[in-house]
Amino acid sequence: MEHLSAADALTLAAHAADKQGPGNLLRVVLIVMVVGCVLVGWLLLRGYRK
């Protein structure tokens, strides 16, 4: 087994992250959607309390 320097390991990790696709973007979109739905639900329920 060969030893990798820190720069080589970082380069390999960056290339592997590029090949993973839209995972991070999709995760952010889903989190924003859930938070938005919770806020809209809270605002609607708060308005119907009166």
PDB file of N, CA and C in Angstrom:
ATOM      1  N   MET A   1       0.841  -1.175   0.000  1.00  0.00           N
ATOM      2  CA  MET A   1       0.000   0.000   0.000  1.00  0.00           C
ATOM      3  C   MET A   1       0.886   1.238   0.000  1.00  0.00           C
ATOM      4  N   GLU A   2       0.606   2.126  -0.917  1.00  0.00           N
ATOM      5  CA  GLU A   2       1.443   3.314  -1.029  1.00  0.00           C
ATOM      6  C   GLU A   2       0.913   4.452  -0.145  1.00  0.00           C
ATOM      7  N   HIS A   3       1.805   5.295   0.248  1.00  0.00           N
ATOM      8  CA  HIS A   3       1.445   6.423   1.108  1.00  0.00           C
ATOM      9  C   HIS A   3       1.057   7.622   0.249  1.00  0.00           C
ATOM     10  N   LEU A   4      -0.070   8.253   0.582  1.00  0.00           N
ATOM     11  CA  LEU A   4      -0.524   9.444  -0.133  1.00  0.00           C
ATOM     12  C   LEU A   4      -0.194  10.683   0.686  1.00  0.00           C
ATOM     13  N   SER A   5       0.298  11.685  -0.002  1.00  0.00           N
ATOM     14  CA  SER A   5       0.530  12.942   0.702  1.00  0.00           C
ATOM     15  C   SER A   5      -0.810  13.635   0.921  1.00  0.00           C
ATOM     16  N   ALA A   6      -0.827  14.660   1.748  1.00  0.00           N
ATOM     17  CA  ALA A   6      -2.067  15.377   2.052  1.00  0.00           C
ATOM     18  C   ALA A   6      -2.629  16.044   0.801  1.00  0.00           C
ATOM     19  N   ALA A   7      -1.749  16.564  -0.039  1.00  0.00           N
ATOM     20  CA  ALA A   7      -2.215  17.222  -1.268  1.00  0.00           C
ATOM     21  C   ALA A   7      -2.846  16.210  -2.214  1.00  0.00           C
ATOM     22  N   ASP A   8      -2.249  15.037  -2.334  1.00  0.00           N
ATOM     23  CA  ASP A   8      -2.817  14.000  -3.197  1.00  0.00           C
ATOM     24  C   ASP A   8      -4.167  13.516  -2.656  1.00  0.00           C
ATOM     25  N   ALA A   9      -4.264  13.353  -1.364  1.00  0.00           N
ATOM     26  CA  ALA A   9      -5.520  12.916  -0.754  1.00  0.00           C
ATOM     27  C   ALA A   9      -6.612  13.957  -0.965  1.00  0.00           C
ATOM     28  N   LEU A  10      -6.264  15.229  -0.835  1.00  0.00           N
ATOM     29  CA  LEU A  10      -7.228  16.302  -1.046  1.00  0.00           C
ATOM     30  C   LEU A  10      -7.685  16.350  -2.503  1.00  0.00           C
ATOM     31  N   THR A  11      -6.766  16.140  -3.408  1.00  0.00           N
ATOM     32  CA  THR A  11      -7.111  16.118  -4.832  1.00  0.00           C
ATOM     33  C   THR A  11      -8.039  14.950  -5.148  1.00  0.00           C
ATOM     34  N   LEU A  12      -7.751  13.781  -4.614  1.00  0.00           N
ATOM     35  CA  LEU A  12      -8.610  12.622  -4.832  1.00  0.00           C
ATOM     36  C   LEU A  12      -9.998  12.844  -4.235  1.00  0.00           C
ATOM     37  N   ALA A  13     -10.066  13.461  -3.068  1.00  0.00           N
ATOM     38  CA  ALA A  13     -11.362  13.730  -2.442  1.00  0.00           C
ATOM     39  C   ALA A  13     -12.166  14.733  -3.262  1.00  0.00           C
ATOM     40  N   ALA A  14     -11.504  15.734  -3.830  1.00  0.00           N
ATOM     41  CA  ALA A  14     -12.199  16.725  -4.657  1.00  0.00           C
ATOM     42  C   ALA A  14     -12.749  16.080  -5.923  1.00  0.00           C
ATOM     43  N   HIS A  15     -11.979  15.188  -6.535  1.00  0.00           N
ATOM     44  CA  HIS A  15     -12.459  14.506  -7.739  1.00  0.00           C
ATOM     45  C   HIS A  15     -13.624  13.576  -7.401  1.00  0.00           C
ATOM     46  N   ALA A  16     -13.574  12.917  -6.263  1.00  0.00           N
ATOM     47  CA  ALA A  16     -14.669  12.033  -5.868  1.00  0.00           C
ATOM     48  C   ALA A  16     -15.928  12.835  -5.578  1.00  0.00           C
ATOM     49  N   ALA A  17     -15.782  14.022  -5.000  1.00  0.00           N
ATOM     50  CA  ALA A  17     -16.951  14.860  -4.707  1.00  0.00           C
ATOM     51  C   ALA A  17     -17.591  15.367  -5.989  1.00  0.00           C
ATOM     52  N   ASP A  18     -16.791  15.628  -7.013  1.00  0.00           N
ATOM     53  CA  ASP A  18     -17.340  16.091  -8.287  1.00  0.00           C
ATOM     54  C   ASP A  18     -18.186  15.022  -8.961  1.00  0.00           C
ATOM     55  N   LYS A  19     -17.855  13.764  -8.739  1.00  0.00           N
ATOM     56  CA  LYS A  19     -18.548  12.664  -9.408  1.00  0.00           C
ATOM     57  C   LYS A  19     -19.849  12.267  -8.712  1.00  0.00           C
ATOM     58  N   GLN A  20     -20.147  12.859  -7.553  1.00  0.00           N
ATOM     59  CA  GLN A  20     -21.311  12.418  -6.790  1.00  0.00           C
ATOM     60  C   GLN A  20     -22.618  13.017  -7.290  1.00  0.00           C
ATOM     61  N   GLY A  21     -22.590  14.028  -8.104  1.00  0.00           N
ATOM     62  CA  GLY A  21     -23.816  14.574  -8.657  1.00  0.00           C
ATOM     63  C   GLY A  21     -24.414  15.678  -7.804  1.00  0.00           C
ATOM     64  N   PRO A  22     -25.717  15.882  -7.957  1.00  0.00           N
ATOM     65  CA  PRO A  22     -26.376  17.025  -7.319  1.00  0.00           C
ATOM     66  C   PRO A  22     -26.810  16.760  -5.885  1.00  0.00           C
ATOM     67  N   GLY A  23     -26.084  15.969  -5.149  1.00  0.00           N
ATOM     68  CA  GLY A  23     -26.497  15.597  -3.795  1.00  0.00           C
ATOM     69  C   GLY A  23     -26.606  16.774  -2.854  1.00  0.00           C
ATOM     70  N   ASN A  24     -25.606  17.639  -2.818  1.00  0.00           N
ATOM     71  CA  ASN A  24     -25.639  18.769  -1.885  1.00  0.00           C
ATOM     72  C   ASN A  24     -26.720  19.768  -2.253  1.00  0.00           C
ATOM     73  N   LEU A  25     -26.873  20.048  -3.537  1.00  0.00           N
ATOM     74  CA  LEU A  25     -27.903  20.988  -3.971  1.00  0.00           C
ATOM     75  C   LEU A  25     -29.292  20.450  -3.639  1.00  0.00           C
ATOM     76  N   LEU A  26     -29.519  19.188  -3.896  1.00  0.00           N
ATOM     77  CA  LEU A  26     -30.814  18.580  -3.592  1.00  0.00           C
ATOM     78  C   LEU A  26     -31.089  18.608  -2.097  1.00  0.00           C
ATOM     79  N   ARG A  27     -30.079  18.351  -1.295  1.00  0.00           N
ATOM     80  CA  ARG A  27     -30.236  18.388   0.158  1.00  0.00           C
ATOM     81  C   ARG A  27     -30.621  19.780   0.634  1.00  0.00           C
ATOM     82  N   VAL A  28     -29.979  20.804   0.094  1.00  0.00           N
ATOM     83  CA  VAL A  28     -30.292  22.178   0.482  1.00  0.00           C
ATOM     84  C   VAL A  28     -31.710  22.543   0.052  1.00  0.00           C
ATOM     85  N   VAL A  29     -32.095  22.165  -1.155  1.00  0.00           N
ATOM     86  CA  VAL A  29     -33.448  22.469  -1.637  1.00  0.00           C
ATOM     87  C   VAL A  29     -34.497  21.798  -0.756  1.00  0.00           C
ATOM     88  N   LEU A  30     -34.278  20.556  -0.375  1.00  0.00           N
ATOM     89  CA  LEU A  30     -35.233  19.853   0.475  1.00  0.00           C
ATOM     90  C   LEU A  30     -35.336  20.482   1.858  1.00  0.00           C
ATOM     91  N   ILE A  31     -34.217  20.888   2.429  1.00  0.00           N
ATOM     92  CA  ILE A  31     -34.241  21.521   3.751  1.00  0.00           C
ATOM     93  C   ILE A  31     -34.983  22.847   3.683  1.00  0.00           C
ATOM     94  N   VAL A  32     -34.728  23.645   2.649  1.00  0.00           N
ATOM     95  CA  VAL A  32     -35.416  24.927   2.503  1.00  0.00           C
ATOM     96  C   VAL A  32     -36.910  24.702   2.309  1.00  0.00           C
ATOM     97  N   MET A  33     -37.294  23.675   1.548  1.00  0.00           N
ATOM     98  CA  MET A  33     -38.711  23.381   1.353  1.00  0.00           C
ATOM     99  C   MET A  33     -39.391  23.010   2.660  1.00  0.00           C
ATOM    100  N   VAL A  34     -38.754  22.175   3.456  1.00  0.00           N
ATOM    101  CA  VAL A  34     -39.351  21.750   4.728  1.00  0.00           C
ATOM    102  C   VAL A  34     -39.482  22.937   5.671  1.00  0.00           C
ATOM    103  N   VAL A  35     -38.445  23.751   5.771  1.00  0.00           N
ATOM    104  CA  VAL A  35     -38.508  24.924   6.643  1.00  0.00           C
ATOM    105  C   VAL A  35     -39.582  25.887   6.149  1.00  0.00           C
ATOM    106  N   GLY A  36     -39.696  26.078   4.845  1.00  0.00           N
ATOM    107  CA  GLY A  36     -40.728  26.948   4.288  1.00  0.00           C
ATOM    108  C   GLY A  36     -42.127  26.428   4.582  1.00  0.00           C
ATOM    109  N   CYS A  37     -42.332  25.125   4.454  1.00  0.00           N
ATOM    110  CA  CYS A  37     -43.643  24.549   4.761  1.00  0.00           C
ATOM    111  C   CYS A  37     -43.996  24.718   6.230  1.00  0.00           C
ATOM    112  N   VAL A  38     -43.035  24.540   7.104  1.00  0.00           N
ATOM    113  CA  VAL A  38     -43.280  24.726   8.538  1.00  0.00           C
ATOM    114  C   VAL A  38     -43.649  26.179   8.822  1.00  0.00           C
ATOM    115  N   LEU A  39     -42.932  27.127   8.225  1.00  0.00           N
ATOM    116  CA  LEU A  39     -43.241  28.545   8.450  1.00  0.00           C
ATOM    117  C   LEU A  39     -44.615  28.922   7.898  1.00  0.00           C
ATOM    118  N   VAL A  40     -44.968  28.449   6.718  1.00  0.00           N
ATOM    119  CA  VAL A  40     -46.283  28.746   6.152  1.00  0.00           C
ATOM    120  C   VAL A  40     -47.383  28.138   7.012  1.00  0.00           C
ATOM    121  N   GLY A  41     -47.196  26.897   7.450  1.00  0.00           N
ATOM    122  CA  GLY A  41     -48.174  26.263   8.338  1.00  0.00           C
ATOM    123  C   GLY A  41     -48.331  27.015   9.644  1.00  0.00           C
ATOM    124  N   TRP A  42     -47.221  27.455  10.202  1.00  0.00           N
ATOM    125  CA  TRP A  42     -47.280  28.210  11.459  1.00  0.00           C
ATOM    126  C   TRP A  42     -48.018  29.530  11.266  1.00  0.00           C
ATOM    127  N   LEU A  43     -47.735  30.232  10.167  1.00  0.00           N
ATOM    128  CA  LEU A  43     -48.417  31.493   9.906  1.00  0.00           C
ATOM    129  C   LEU A  43     -49.913  31.289   9.677  1.00  0.00           C
ATOM    130  N   LEU A  44     -50.281  30.254   8.941  1.00  0.00           N
ATOM    131  CA  LEU A  44     -51.697  29.993   8.705  1.00  0.00           C
ATOM    132  C   LEU A  44     -52.423  29.623   9.992  1.00  0.00           C
ATOM    133  N   LEU A  45     -51.831  28.750  10.773  1.00  0.00           N
ATOM    134  CA  LEU A  45     -52.475  28.355  12.032  1.00  0.00           C
ATOM    135  C   LEU A  45     -52.548  29.513  13.016  1.00  0.00           C
ATOM    136  N   ARG A  46     -51.564  30.368  13.004  1.00  0.00           N
ATOM    137  CA  ARG A  46     -51.565  31.527  13.876  1.00  0.00           C
ATOM    138  C   ARG A  46     -52.677  32.497  13.482  1.00  0.00           C
ATOM    139  N   GLY A  47     -52.931  32.625  12.185  1.00  0.00           N
ATOM    140  CA  GLY A  47     -53.988  33.507  11.718  1.00  0.00           C
ATOM    141  C   GLY A  47     -55.375  32.989  12.025  1.00  0.00           C
ATOM    142  N   TYR A  48     -55.569  31.677  12.069  1.00  0.00           N
ATOM    143  CA  TYR A  48     -56.884  31.110  12.331  1.00  0.00           C
ATOM    144  C   TYR A  48     -57.212  31.058  13.815  1.00  0.00           C
ATOM    145  N   ARG A  49     -56.264  31.389  14.675  1.00  0.00           N
ATOM    146  CA  ARG A  49     -56.520  31.344  16.106  1.00  0.00           C
ATOM    147  C   ARG A  49     -57.490  32.429  16.547  1.00  0.00           C
ATOM    148  N   LYS A  50     -57.519  33.526  15.825  1.00  0.00           N
ATOM    149  CA  LYS A  50     -58.349  34.659  16.246  1.00  0.00           C
ATOM    150  C   LYS A  50     -59.809  34.421  16.028  1.00  0.00           C
TER     151      LYS A  50
END
